[in-house]
């Protein structure tokens, strides 16, 4: 597994030069409060896929 993929969503982790690393962390917190989950997959030279699962009721 890619080392960056392991750290993604962690506090203050960003691959952007001016990034704060709080965006995905905040999003994940909101999703979890709604009993949802995030699934992240990545394939080298293809791209990343982020799937958000939220309950229907």
N, C-alpha and C. Protein backbone atom coordinates (compact mmCIF):
# COMPACT_ATOMS: atom_id res chain seq x y z
N UNK A 1 0.85 -1.18 0.00
CA UNK A 1 0.00 0.00 0.00
C UNK A 1 0.89 1.24 0.00
N UNK A 2 0.48 2.24 -0.74
CA UNK A 2 1.18 3.50 -0.84
C UNK A 2 1.22 4.18 0.53
N UNK A 3 2.39 4.71 0.92
CA UNK A 3 2.55 5.38 2.22
C UNK A 3 1.63 6.58 2.33
N UNK A 4 1.41 7.31 1.24
CA UNK A 4 0.51 8.46 1.27
C UNK A 4 -0.92 8.01 1.51
N UNK A 5 -1.31 6.89 0.95
CA UNK A 5 -2.67 6.38 1.13
C UNK A 5 -2.91 6.00 2.59
N UNK A 6 -1.89 5.51 3.26
CA UNK A 6 -2.02 5.16 4.68
C UNK A 6 -2.25 6.39 5.54
N UNK A 7 -1.64 7.52 5.16
CA UNK A 7 -1.71 8.75 5.97
C UNK A 7 -2.90 9.64 5.62
N UNK A 8 -3.55 9.38 4.50
CA UNK A 8 -4.62 10.25 4.03
C UNK A 8 -5.74 10.35 5.07
N UNK A 9 -6.21 11.54 5.28
CA UNK A 9 -7.26 11.77 6.26
C UNK A 9 -6.72 12.05 7.65
N UNK A 10 -5.42 11.90 7.82
CA UNK A 10 -4.80 12.17 9.11
C UNK A 10 -4.65 13.67 9.32
N UNK A 11 -4.49 14.06 10.57
CA UNK A 11 -4.35 15.48 10.90
C UNK A 11 -3.12 16.08 10.25
N UNK A 12 -3.32 17.17 9.54
CA UNK A 12 -2.28 17.98 8.91
C UNK A 12 -1.49 17.27 7.83
N UNK A 13 -2.01 16.17 7.25
CA UNK A 13 -1.34 15.53 6.12
C UNK A 13 -1.88 16.11 4.83
N UNK A 14 -1.00 16.62 4.00
CA UNK A 14 -1.40 17.18 2.71
C UNK A 14 -0.28 16.95 1.70
N UNK A 15 -0.66 16.74 0.46
CA UNK A 15 0.33 16.64 -0.62
C UNK A 15 0.45 17.98 -1.35
N UNK A 16 -0.37 18.95 -0.96
CA UNK A 16 -0.33 20.28 -1.57
C UNK A 16 0.65 21.17 -0.82
N UNK A 17 1.33 22.02 -1.57
CA UNK A 17 2.33 22.90 -0.96
C UNK A 17 1.72 23.82 0.11
N UNK A 18 0.54 24.34 -0.14
CA UNK A 18 -0.11 25.25 0.81
C UNK A 18 -1.29 24.60 1.52
N UNK A 19 -1.38 23.29 1.47
CA UNK A 19 -2.50 22.58 2.08
C UNK A 19 -2.40 22.51 3.60
N UNK A 20 -3.57 22.51 4.25
CA UNK A 20 -3.58 22.41 5.71
C UNK A 20 -3.75 20.97 6.18
N UNK A 21 -4.28 20.11 5.31
CA UNK A 21 -4.49 18.73 5.70
C UNK A 21 -5.70 18.52 6.57
N UNK A 22 -6.64 19.46 6.53
CA UNK A 22 -7.83 19.34 7.37
C UNK A 22 -9.11 19.05 6.59
N UNK A 23 -9.08 19.16 5.29
CA UNK A 23 -10.29 18.98 4.47
C UNK A 23 -10.90 17.60 4.56
N UNK A 24 -10.12 16.57 4.29
CA UNK A 24 -10.65 15.21 4.32
C UNK A 24 -10.94 14.78 5.76
N UNK A 25 -10.14 15.24 6.70
CA UNK A 25 -10.37 14.94 8.11
C UNK A 25 -11.72 15.49 8.54
N UNK A 26 -12.02 16.74 8.17
CA UNK A 26 -13.29 17.36 8.51
C UNK A 26 -14.44 16.65 7.81
N UNK A 27 -14.27 16.34 6.53
CA UNK A 27 -15.31 15.64 5.78
C UNK A 27 -15.61 14.28 6.40
N UNK A 28 -14.57 13.56 6.76
CA UNK A 28 -14.76 12.23 7.36
C UNK A 28 -15.51 12.34 8.69
N UNK A 29 -15.21 13.35 9.47
CA UNK A 29 -15.89 13.56 10.75
C UNK A 29 -17.38 13.78 10.53
N UNK A 30 -17.73 14.60 9.56
CA UNK A 30 -19.14 14.87 9.25
C UNK A 30 -19.84 13.60 8.78
N UNK A 31 -19.18 12.86 7.89
CA UNK A 31 -19.76 11.62 7.36
C UNK A 31 -19.97 10.60 8.47
N UNK A 32 -19.01 10.46 9.38
CA UNK A 32 -19.14 9.52 10.49
C UNK A 32 -20.29 9.91 11.42
N UNK A 33 -20.50 11.21 11.61
CA UNK A 33 -21.61 11.66 12.47
C UNK A 33 -22.96 11.32 11.87
N UNK A 34 -22.98 11.07 10.57
CA UNK A 34 -24.20 10.65 9.88
C UNK A 34 -24.20 9.13 9.64
N UNK A 35 -23.37 8.41 10.41
CA UNK A 35 -23.25 6.95 10.32
C UNK A 35 -22.82 6.46 8.94
N UNK A 36 -21.99 7.24 8.30
CA UNK A 36 -21.47 6.86 6.99
C UNK A 36 -20.01 6.50 7.05
N UNK A 37 -19.47 6.10 5.90
CA UNK A 37 -18.06 5.75 5.78
C UNK A 37 -17.49 6.28 4.47
N UNK A 38 -16.17 6.35 4.41
CA UNK A 38 -15.47 6.73 3.19
C UNK A 38 -14.57 5.56 2.80
N UNK A 39 -14.56 5.23 1.52
CA UNK A 39 -13.66 4.20 1.00
C UNK A 39 -12.77 4.86 -0.04
N UNK A 40 -11.46 4.71 0.10
CA UNK A 40 -10.52 5.32 -0.83
C UNK A 40 -9.68 4.23 -1.46
N UNK A 41 -9.65 4.22 -2.79
CA UNK A 41 -8.79 3.29 -3.52
C UNK A 41 -7.91 4.11 -4.46
N UNK A 42 -6.73 3.59 -4.73
CA UNK A 42 -5.78 4.29 -5.58
C UNK A 42 -5.04 3.29 -6.44
N UNK A 43 -4.83 3.66 -7.69
CA UNK A 43 -4.07 2.83 -8.61
C UNK A 43 -3.04 3.71 -9.30
N UNK A 44 -1.79 3.31 -9.22
CA UNK A 44 -0.69 4.08 -9.80
C UNK A 44 -0.93 4.28 -11.29
N UNK A 45 -0.68 5.49 -11.75
CA UNK A 45 -0.84 5.90 -13.16
C UNK A 45 -2.27 5.82 -13.66
N UNK A 46 -3.23 5.59 -12.78
CA UNK A 46 -4.63 5.57 -13.20
C UNK A 46 -5.41 6.65 -12.47
N UNK A 47 -5.28 6.70 -11.16
CA UNK A 47 -5.97 7.72 -10.39
C UNK A 47 -6.50 7.18 -9.08
N UNK A 48 -7.26 8.03 -8.42
CA UNK A 48 -7.82 7.71 -7.12
C UNK A 48 -9.34 7.70 -7.22
N UNK A 49 -9.96 6.94 -6.33
CA UNK A 49 -11.42 6.89 -6.28
C UNK A 49 -11.84 7.00 -4.82
N UNK A 50 -12.71 7.96 -4.55
CA UNK A 50 -13.23 8.16 -3.20
C UNK A 50 -14.73 7.91 -3.27
N UNK A 51 -15.19 6.96 -2.45
CA UNK A 51 -16.60 6.62 -2.41
C UNK A 51 -17.13 6.91 -1.01
N UNK A 52 -18.24 7.65 -0.95
CA UNK A 52 -18.88 7.97 0.32
C UNK A 52 -20.14 7.14 0.44
N UNK A 53 -20.26 6.43 1.57
CA UNK A 53 -21.44 5.62 1.83
C UNK A 53 -22.23 6.27 2.96
N UNK A 54 -23.50 6.56 2.71
CA UNK A 54 -24.38 7.12 3.73
C UNK A 54 -25.63 6.28 3.82
N UNK A 55 -26.16 6.07 5.04
CA UNK A 55 -27.38 5.29 5.17
C UNK A 55 -28.56 6.02 4.54
N UNK A 56 -29.53 5.26 4.06
CA UNK A 56 -30.68 5.87 3.39
C UNK A 56 -31.73 6.38 4.37
N UNK A 57 -31.73 5.88 5.57
CA UNK A 57 -32.69 6.39 6.54
C UNK A 57 -32.17 6.27 7.95
